[in-house]
Protein backbone atom coordinates (compact mmCIF):
# COMPACT_ATOMS: atom_id res chain seq x y z
CA MET A 1 -193.91 48.85 67.06
CA PHE A 2 -190.85 47.69 69.00
CA VAL A 3 -187.48 48.47 67.39
CA GLY A 4 -184.48 46.65 68.85
CA ILE A 5 -181.51 48.97 69.37
CA THR A 6 -177.94 48.79 70.63
CA ASN A 7 -174.79 50.91 70.75
CA THR A 8 -171.07 50.80 71.53
CA PRO A 9 -170.04 52.45 74.82
CA ARG A 10 -168.14 55.71 74.47
CA ASP A 11 -164.50 55.35 75.48
CA TYR A 12 -163.94 58.51 77.53
CA ALA A 13 -160.82 58.16 79.69
CA TRP A 14 -162.74 58.46 82.98
CA GLY A 15 -164.90 55.42 82.20
CA SER A 16 -164.88 52.06 83.97
CA ARG A 17 -163.38 49.11 82.09
CA THR A 18 -165.86 46.60 83.50
CA ALA A 19 -169.02 48.14 85.03
CA ILE A 20 -171.20 48.53 81.93
CA ALA A 21 -170.20 45.11 80.59
CA GLU A 22 -170.93 43.46 83.93
CA LEU A 23 -174.31 45.16 84.24
CA LEU A 24 -175.48 44.21 80.77
CA GLY A 25 -173.83 40.79 80.48
CA ARG A 26 -171.45 41.81 77.69
CA GLN A 27 -167.80 41.17 77.02
CA PRO A 28 -165.72 44.20 78.03
CA SER A 29 -163.84 45.92 75.23
CA GLY A 30 -160.56 46.09 77.17
CA GLY A 31 -160.63 49.89 77.21
CA PRO A 32 -162.63 52.42 79.23
CA GLU A 33 -166.39 52.24 78.72
CA ALA A 34 -167.85 55.47 80.06
CA GLU A 35 -171.32 55.95 78.56
CA LEU A 36 -173.72 53.78 76.59
CA TRP A 37 -176.03 56.06 74.60
CA LEU A 38 -179.53 54.81 73.78
CA GLY A 39 -181.29 57.32 71.60
CA ALA A 40 -181.08 59.26 68.35
CA HIS A 41 -178.65 62.07 69.10
CA PRO A 42 -176.59 62.53 65.91
CA ALA A 43 -173.30 62.51 67.83
CA CYS A 44 -173.74 58.83 68.69
CA PRO A 45 -177.10 57.38 67.55
CA SER A 46 -178.15 53.88 68.49
CA VAL A 47 -178.13 51.19 65.81
CA VAL A 48 -181.12 48.97 65.01
CA THR A 49 -180.53 45.29 65.80
CA ASP A 50 -181.54 42.13 63.98
CA ALA A 51 -184.62 42.01 66.25
CA THR A 52 -186.14 44.46 63.73
CA PRO A 53 -185.02 43.09 60.34
CA ALA A 54 -186.61 45.88 58.28
CA PHE A 55 -184.16 48.43 59.69
CA ALA A 56 -181.32 46.23 60.99
CA GLY A 57 -177.88 47.83 60.94
CA ARG A 58 -179.16 51.36 60.36
CA ALA A 59 -178.66 54.37 62.66
CA LEU A 60 -181.77 55.17 64.68
CA ASP A 61 -181.76 58.89 63.88
CA ALA A 62 -181.83 58.14 60.15
CA VAL A 63 -184.66 55.62 60.55
CA ILE A 64 -186.75 58.10 62.56
CA ALA A 65 -186.07 60.93 60.09
CA GLU A 66 -187.72 58.96 57.25
CA ASP A 67 -191.09 58.82 59.07
CA PRO A 68 -191.04 60.73 62.37
CA ALA A 69 -194.82 60.56 62.87
CA ARG A 70 -194.67 56.76 62.76
CA PHE A 71 -191.90 56.42 65.32
CA LEU A 72 -192.53 59.42 67.56
CA GLY A 73 -196.19 60.28 67.15
CA PRO A 74 -197.76 63.42 65.66
CA GLY A 75 -196.04 66.74 66.20
CA ARG A 76 -192.53 65.39 66.88
CA THR A 77 -189.59 65.38 64.49
CA THR A 78 -186.85 64.21 66.87
CA LEU A 79 -186.66 61.90 69.87
CA PRO A 80 -186.71 64.38 72.79
CA PHE A 81 -184.64 62.42 75.32
CA LEU A 82 -181.42 60.44 75.57
CA LEU A 83 -181.00 57.43 77.90
CA LYS A 84 -177.50 56.51 79.05
CA VAL A 85 -175.72 53.99 81.22
CA LEU A 86 -172.88 55.93 82.87
CA ALA A 87 -169.89 54.28 84.57
CA ALA A 88 -167.26 56.55 86.16
CA ASP A 89 -164.01 55.23 87.58
CA GLN A 90 -162.56 58.74 87.79
CA PRO A 91 -164.16 62.15 88.27
CA LEU A 92 -165.73 63.91 85.31
CA SER A 93 -165.08 67.58 84.68
CA LEU A 94 -166.86 70.29 86.64
CA GLN A 95 -169.62 71.33 84.28
CA ALA A 96 -173.00 72.95 83.73
CA HIS A 97 -175.58 72.77 80.96
CA PRO A 98 -177.54 75.61 79.31
CA ASN A 99 -181.24 76.33 79.34
CA THR A 100 -183.18 76.45 76.07
CA ALA A 101 -182.66 80.14 75.31
CA GLN A 102 -178.93 79.91 75.99
CA ALA A 103 -178.55 76.76 73.89
CA GLU A 104 -180.42 78.20 70.93
CA ALA A 105 -178.47 81.47 71.02
CA GLY A 106 -175.10 79.80 71.57
CA PHE A 107 -175.65 77.19 68.85
CA ALA A 108 -176.65 79.85 66.33
CA ARG A 109 -173.74 82.10 67.35
CA GLU A 110 -171.12 79.38 66.90
CA ASN A 111 -172.68 78.25 63.62
CA GLU A 112 -172.54 81.82 62.33
CA ALA A 113 -168.89 82.05 63.40
CA GLY A 114 -168.11 78.94 61.37
CA VAL A 115 -167.03 76.77 64.33
CA ALA A 116 -167.29 73.10 63.34
CA VAL A 117 -169.86 71.17 65.39
CA ASP A 118 -167.19 68.63 66.40
CA ALA A 119 -164.47 71.23 67.11
CA ALA A 120 -162.73 70.90 70.46
CA GLU A 121 -163.39 74.55 71.29
CA ARG A 122 -167.13 74.29 70.53
CA ASN A 123 -169.46 75.03 73.48
CA TYR A 124 -172.84 74.30 71.89
CA ARG A 125 -173.19 71.15 69.78
CA ASP A 126 -176.99 71.46 69.44
CA ALA A 127 -179.79 73.89 70.25
CA SER A 128 -181.26 72.03 73.24
CA ALA A 129 -181.24 72.49 76.98
CA LYS A 130 -179.77 69.64 79.00
CA PRO A 131 -181.44 69.00 82.34
CA GLU A 132 -180.57 65.49 83.54
CA LEU A 133 -181.61 62.78 85.99
CA LEU A 134 -179.10 60.30 87.46
CA LEU A 135 -180.23 57.12 89.23
CA ALA A 136 -177.58 55.16 91.14
CA LEU A 137 -177.13 51.46 90.34
CA SER A 138 -173.85 50.88 92.17
CA PRO A 139 -173.90 50.54 95.99
CA SER A 140 -172.97 54.22 96.11
CA PHE A 141 -172.70 56.92 93.49
CA GLU A 142 -170.50 59.90 94.37
CA ALA A 143 -171.05 63.39 93.00
CA LEU A 144 -170.72 67.12 93.46
CA ALA A 145 -174.01 68.90 92.78
CA GLY A 146 -174.90 72.56 93.23
CA PHE A 147 -173.56 75.11 95.69
CA GLN A 148 -173.42 74.54 99.42
CA HIS A 149 -174.81 77.26 101.64
CA VAL A 150 -172.35 79.87 102.83
CA SER A 151 -173.09 78.98 106.46
CA THR A 152 -171.78 75.47 105.76
CA LEU A 153 -168.84 76.79 103.78
CA ARG A 154 -167.77 79.00 106.65
CA LEU A 155 -167.66 75.98 108.97
CA LEU A 156 -165.73 73.99 106.38
CA PHE A 157 -163.09 76.66 105.84
CA GLU A 158 -162.80 77.35 109.56
CA GLU A 159 -161.79 73.69 109.96
CA LEU A 160 -159.20 74.09 107.21
CA ILE A 161 -157.86 77.18 108.93
CA LEU A 162 -157.44 75.23 112.19
CA PHE A 163 -155.13 72.79 110.39
CA SER A 164 -153.05 75.47 108.66
CA SER A 165 -150.48 78.05 109.65
CA GLY A 166 -148.45 80.97 108.31
CA ASP A 167 -149.13 81.99 104.72
CA ASP A 168 -151.57 79.10 104.24
CA ARG A 169 -153.74 80.36 107.09
CA THR A 170 -153.65 83.89 105.70
CA ALA A 171 -154.75 82.69 102.24
CA LEU A 172 -157.59 80.60 103.68
CA ARG A 173 -158.88 83.45 105.85
CA ALA A 174 -158.81 85.85 102.92
CA PHE A 175 -160.79 83.39 100.79
CA THR A 176 -163.39 82.84 103.51
CA ASP A 177 -163.91 86.60 103.78
CA ARG A 178 -164.12 86.93 100.00
CA LEU A 179 -166.81 84.28 99.75
CA ALA A 180 -169.51 86.04 101.80
CA ASP A 181 -168.36 89.65 101.58
CA GLY A 182 -171.08 92.15 100.84
CA ASP A 183 -174.20 89.96 100.97
CA PRO A 184 -175.55 89.35 104.51
CA ALA A 185 -178.46 87.33 103.10
CA LEU A 186 -176.03 84.59 102.13
CA ALA A 187 -175.08 84.13 105.76
CA ALA A 188 -178.57 82.99 106.77
CA SER A 189 -178.57 79.27 107.50
CA THR A 190 -180.97 77.26 105.35
CA GLY A 191 -179.42 73.83 105.14
CA SER A 192 -176.34 71.72 104.64
CA SER A 193 -174.88 69.34 102.12
CA HIS A 194 -174.95 66.68 104.84
CA ASP A 195 -178.78 66.61 104.75
CA VAL A 196 -178.91 64.22 101.81
CA ALA A 197 -182.65 63.55 102.26
CA ALA A 198 -183.55 67.21 101.56
CA LEU A 199 -185.58 67.89 98.42
CA ASN A 200 -184.89 70.73 96.04
CA PRO A 201 -187.87 72.99 95.37
CA PRO A 202 -189.10 72.70 91.76
CA VAL A 203 -187.08 74.80 89.32
CA SER A 204 -187.81 74.96 85.61
CA ALA A 205 -185.38 72.85 83.60
CA THR A 206 -185.39 75.32 80.74
CA THR A 207 -186.11 78.76 82.22
CA ALA A 208 -184.22 78.79 85.53
CA PRO A 209 -182.97 82.31 86.36
CA VAL A 210 -179.31 82.94 85.63
CA HIS A 211 -177.42 85.25 87.98
CA THR A 212 -174.59 86.69 85.94
CA GLY A 213 -174.09 90.20 87.28
CA ALA A 214 -171.17 91.35 89.38
CA GLY A 215 -171.99 91.80 93.05
CA ASN A 216 -173.09 88.25 93.71
CA PRO A 217 -170.28 87.12 96.05
CA LEU A 218 -170.60 83.50 94.98
CA ARG A 219 -170.32 84.34 91.29
CA ASP A 220 -167.46 86.75 91.89
CA THR A 221 -165.59 84.14 93.93
CA VAL A 222 -166.00 81.46 91.27
CA GLU A 223 -164.84 83.85 88.57
CA TRP A 224 -161.79 84.81 90.65
CA LEU A 225 -160.92 81.13 91.06
CA LEU A 226 -161.35 80.20 87.41
CA ARG A 227 -159.41 83.18 86.08
CA GLY A 228 -156.39 81.93 88.03
CA GLY A 229 -153.28 83.84 89.05
CA ASP A 230 -150.66 83.77 91.80
CA ASP A 231 -153.18 84.25 94.63
CA VAL A 232 -155.31 81.38 93.33
CA GLU A 233 -152.26 79.15 93.03
CA THR A 234 -151.33 79.97 96.64
CA LEU A 235 -154.88 79.19 97.80
CA ILE A 236 -154.95 75.82 95.99
CA GLY A 237 -151.76 74.75 97.75
CA ALA A 238 -153.08 75.92 101.11
CA VAL A 239 -156.37 74.04 100.66
CA VAL A 240 -154.66 70.81 99.61
CA ARG A 241 -152.23 70.87 102.54
CA ALA A 242 -154.89 71.70 105.13
CA ALA A 243 -157.34 69.14 103.75
CA SER A 244 -154.65 66.45 103.94
CA ALA A 245 -153.84 67.38 107.54
CA SER A 246 -157.48 67.41 108.68
CA ALA A 247 -159.16 64.69 106.61
CA GLY A 248 -158.77 61.98 109.25
CA THR A 249 -160.64 63.82 111.99
CA SER A 250 -162.82 66.43 110.30
CA SER A 251 -166.60 66.40 110.08
CA PHE A 252 -165.98 67.27 106.42
CA ARG A 253 -163.91 64.15 105.84
CA ARG A 254 -165.60 63.28 102.53
CA GLU A 255 -165.04 66.76 101.15
CA PHE A 256 -161.38 66.83 102.17
CA LEU A 257 -160.66 63.34 100.83
CA THR A 258 -162.24 64.46 97.55
CA VAL A 259 -159.88 67.46 97.49
CA GLY A 260 -156.92 65.10 97.85
CA ARG A 261 -158.08 62.85 95.04
CA LEU A 262 -158.82 65.74 92.69
CA ALA A 263 -155.45 67.34 93.46
CA GLU A 264 -153.67 64.12 92.54
CA LEU A 265 -155.50 63.88 89.22
CA HIS A 266 -155.47 67.61 88.39
CA PRO A 267 -152.65 69.31 90.32
CA GLY A 268 -152.96 73.09 90.45
CA ASP A 269 -156.48 73.12 88.96
CA PRO A 270 -158.83 75.75 90.49
CA GLY A 271 -161.57 73.11 90.37
CA VAL A 272 -159.89 71.50 93.39
CA VAL A 273 -160.97 74.50 95.50
CA LEU A 274 -164.24 74.96 93.63
CA SER A 275 -165.22 71.41 94.61
CA LEU A 276 -165.46 72.58 98.23
CA LEU A 277 -168.12 75.11 97.30
CA LEU A 278 -170.42 72.35 96.05
CA ASN A 279 -172.68 69.86 97.80
CA ARG A 280 -170.80 66.57 98.25
CA VAL A 281 -173.41 63.90 97.52
CA SER A 282 -173.37 60.14 98.12
CA LEU A 283 -176.35 58.46 96.48
CA GLY A 284 -177.41 55.03 97.67
CA GLN A 285 -178.63 52.38 95.25
CA GLY A 286 -181.94 53.43 93.77
CA GLN A 287 -181.61 57.09 94.76
CA ALA A 288 -181.89 59.69 92.01
CA LEU A 289 -180.51 63.18 91.54
CA PHE A 290 -182.00 65.83 89.22
CA LEU A 291 -179.83 68.61 87.82
CA THR A 292 -181.61 71.56 86.27
CA ALA A 293 -180.09 73.73 83.57
CA GLY A 294 -177.40 75.90 85.11
CA SER A 295 -176.58 73.54 87.99
CA ILE A 296 -172.80 73.11 88.31
CA HIS A 297 -171.83 69.53 89.08
CA ALA A 298 -169.35 66.70 88.60
CA TYR A 299 -169.89 62.96 88.85
CA LEU A 300 -167.02 61.43 90.80
CA GLU A 301 -167.48 57.66 90.81
CA GLY A 302 -170.15 55.05 90.30
CA LEU A 303 -172.56 53.32 87.93
CA GLY A 304 -175.94 54.80 87.09
CA ILE A 305 -178.78 55.28 84.67
CA GLU A 306 -178.76 58.80 83.25
CA LEU A 307 -181.71 60.39 81.42
CA MET A 308 -181.64 63.82 79.84
CA THR A 309 -182.95 65.97 77.05
CA SER A 310 -181.32 64.82 73.82
CA SER A 311 -178.39 67.21 74.00
CA ASP A 312 -174.59 67.18 74.18
CA ASN A 313 -174.09 70.75 75.41
CA VAL A 314 -171.43 70.95 78.14
CA LEU A 315 -169.79 74.07 79.60
CA ARG A 316 -166.75 72.95 81.58
CA GLY A 317 -165.24 74.68 84.60
CA GLY A 318 -162.17 72.64 85.45
CA LEU A 319 -160.81 69.19 86.36
CA THR A 320 -160.32 68.48 82.67
CA GLY A 321 -157.90 68.85 79.80
CA LYS A 322 -160.77 69.79 77.48
CA HIS A 323 -161.91 73.25 76.44
CA VAL A 324 -162.90 75.59 79.29
CA ASP A 325 -164.71 78.83 78.40
CA VAL A 326 -164.87 80.71 81.71
CA GLY A 327 -167.03 83.56 80.44
CA GLU A 328 -169.64 81.28 78.88
CA LEU A 329 -169.72 79.05 81.94
CA LEU A 330 -170.33 82.05 84.21
CA ASP A 331 -173.24 83.08 82.01
CA VAL A 332 -174.81 79.62 82.23
CA VAL A 333 -174.33 78.72 85.91
CA VAL A 334 -177.12 79.58 88.35
CA PHE A 335 -175.37 81.02 91.41
CA GLU A 336 -177.89 79.97 94.03
CA GLN A 337 -177.38 77.75 97.07
CA ARG A 338 -179.95 74.98 97.38
CA PRO A 339 -180.43 71.68 99.18
CA VAL A 340 -179.37 68.46 97.48
CA PRO A 341 -181.84 67.95 94.60
CA LEU A 342 -182.97 64.36 95.19
CA VAL A 343 -186.02 62.93 93.40
CA GLN A 344 -188.45 60.68 95.27
CA PRO A 345 -190.30 58.19 93.03
CA ASP A 346 -193.99 57.40 93.09
CA SER A 347 -195.43 53.94 92.48
CA PRO A 348 -198.62 54.16 90.38
CA VAL A 349 -198.96 50.35 90.18
CA PRO A 350 -197.12 47.41 91.82
CA GLY A 351 -193.77 46.75 90.21
CA VAL A 352 -193.33 50.25 88.77
CA GLU A 353 -191.55 53.25 90.25
CA VAL A 354 -191.65 56.54 88.34
CA PHE A 355 -189.09 59.32 88.80
CA ARG A 356 -190.72 62.57 87.79
CA THR A 357 -189.10 66.00 87.50
CA ASP A 358 -190.32 69.26 86.00
CA ALA A 359 -188.35 68.58 82.81
CA ASP A 360 -190.60 68.83 79.77
CA ASP A 361 -188.93 66.10 77.73
CA PHE A 362 -188.50 63.00 79.88
CA VAL A 363 -189.59 60.80 82.75
CA LEU A 364 -187.90 57.61 84.00
CA ALA A 365 -189.70 54.46 85.14
CA GLN A 366 -188.18 51.41 86.82
CA VAL A 367 -190.01 48.10 86.28
CA ALA A 368 -189.13 45.24 88.65
CA LEU A 369 -190.85 41.85 88.32
CA GLY A 370 -190.42 38.50 90.08
CA ASP A 371 -188.71 37.56 93.33
CA ALA A 372 -185.34 37.05 91.63
CA ALA A 373 -185.06 40.51 90.10
CA ALA A 374 -181.57 41.76 90.94
CA VAL A 375 -179.50 44.72 89.78
CA HIS A 376 -175.80 45.11 90.51
CA GLY A 377 -175.91 43.57 93.97
CA TYR A 378 -179.27 44.68 95.28
CA ARG A 379 -182.54 42.81 94.93
CA LEU A 380 -185.92 44.12 93.89
CA ALA A 381 -189.03 42.00 94.41
CA GLY A 382 -192.12 42.58 92.31
CA PRO A 383 -195.29 40.99 90.93
CA ASP A 384 -195.31 38.58 87.99
CA SER A 385 -196.68 41.24 85.64
CA THR A 386 -197.53 44.92 85.57
CA THR A 387 -198.58 47.71 83.22
CA PHE A 388 -197.20 51.09 82.26
CA ALA A 389 -199.00 53.56 79.98
CA LEU A 390 -197.16 55.55 77.33
CA THR A 391 -198.08 59.06 76.21
CA GLY A 392 -195.19 59.33 73.75
CA PRO A 393 -192.22 57.38 72.38
CA ALA A 394 -190.14 55.31 74.80
CA ILE A 395 -186.85 53.47 75.13
CA VAL A 396 -186.64 50.42 77.36
CA LEU A 397 -183.43 48.78 78.64
CA VAL A 398 -183.41 45.48 80.54
CA VAL A 399 -180.61 45.27 83.11
CA SER A 400 -181.52 42.02 84.86
CA GLY A 401 -183.33 38.78 83.98
CA GLY A 402 -185.70 38.81 81.03
CA LEU A 403 -189.03 40.48 80.30
CA ARG A 404 -191.77 40.21 77.72
CA ILE A 405 -193.50 43.44 76.76
CA ASP A 406 -196.91 43.45 75.06
CA GLY A 407 -198.34 46.57 73.46
CA ALA A 408 -201.46 47.36 71.49
CA THR A 409 -200.06 46.11 68.15
CA ASP A 410 -196.74 44.40 68.82
CA ARG A 411 -194.72 42.51 71.41
CA ILE A 412 -191.06 41.84 72.18
CA THR A 413 -188.99 39.72 74.56
CA LEU A 414 -185.85 41.36 75.91
CA ALA A 415 -183.03 39.67 77.82
CA ARG A 416 -180.48 41.33 80.07
CA GLY A 417 -178.62 43.98 78.09
CA ASP A 418 -181.28 44.30 75.37
CA ALA A 419 -182.96 47.61 74.51
CA ALA A 420 -185.74 48.79 72.23
CA LEU A 421 -187.46 51.91 70.97
CA ILE A 422 -191.24 51.73 71.50
CA THR A 423 -193.57 53.77 69.31
CA PRO A 424 -196.34 55.67 71.12
CA ASP A 425 -199.15 53.81 69.37
CA GLU A 426 -198.37 50.77 71.56
CA GLY A 427 -200.22 52.63 74.33
CA SER A 428 -200.47 50.74 77.61
CA LEU A 429 -197.60 48.24 77.94
CA THR A 430 -197.89 44.95 79.82
CA PHE A 431 -194.62 43.65 81.31
CA SER A 432 -194.28 40.02 82.37
CA GLY A 433 -191.43 37.74 83.44
CA SER A 434 -188.68 38.19 86.03
CA GLY A 435 -186.23 41.04 85.76
CA VAL A 436 -185.60 44.76 85.96
CA ALA A 437 -185.98 47.31 83.17
CA PHE A 438 -185.74 51.07 82.88
CA VAL A 439 -188.17 52.92 80.63
CA ALA A 440 -187.43 56.43 79.38
CA THR A 441 -190.41 58.25 77.92
CA THR A 442 -192.16 61.62 77.80
CA PRO A 443 -194.04 63.02 80.84
């Protein structure tokens, strides 16, 4: 069965006013449109459209709850993934997401304490991990993702020191020494944030190790920054001034320009300095980034398709006016330095690219058919038809042209901006027409 679904974009202040509407051929609302959620998460479930009259106007989570075996297949009670269109005009908060054990414990703990699920100070809004995949649709998608290696950080801060003097230079030197003090292993060179083609070794999305103990210089440095104080305030000013002085000529120009932008939006925020500890990533169109549980990150600007476990658990670390729980964040973040975690797709059949991660709950496929298939300024050529086999429930979103989808028992035609839930009994899907669609489903 194909169930037509839609939703209203969430109006977070950092959202673009035009990008989602332009992508999907809709009228903009006039306000920020940050995220379009397609799924059954109770915080913002999709709504069934008139394309499926039997359930039209009803929330998708309620429809599924009445007969989960019919919509999701045997053994499932909830849709395990959430598909989003994300459009950022301004940086999101620095954040990390929990693994399964942390989410279950934190959700139960806050429930027991009587904290309302929608309370501003709530950390855990459900009991699920939240690994996520982001695929860039805009010509570039800018992000911070995971920790840079200390060898790179030393070079970066040495450049800042060259463009500073007096008390600023003293503060920068002290911070550089603090960062690597006591752990010679961190000084070994293994890579750089500038090697954007590097692949991250597989790490479990739900059981990644969490390094919380004192003695890890990276963890201790982040805690020192986030706890704040006069020395941190002095360092923030020194970093902002030196970055401004050096941004025009530095090999770390992107990083230093990012510092300037963040400082304008969030003056005095420790996240301004913390941003320099992270890999500065520029995704090209069609490139994808995978963030495991515990990976600290911030999306800075761009339009993309985001796919994640169906969760809304966010631990924030700065660059925001929302709740920041430093202790909980430190328990969740994995303090390891890794290459940029890009995901390379495979193409099992012509017209289909599949982005696979080690996440248990989701996989993303891109279907591109016809010579005129175009998405947000770049063109994708494909055959006139192709197939894609399901092993579980799926959500499909068409972002260009129009496609017909035939399954084992049902069929549907979707135009640009249309979406549908597909039940697993449809089996192998046949796509035909000219356009581009994204399919979220289980691995």
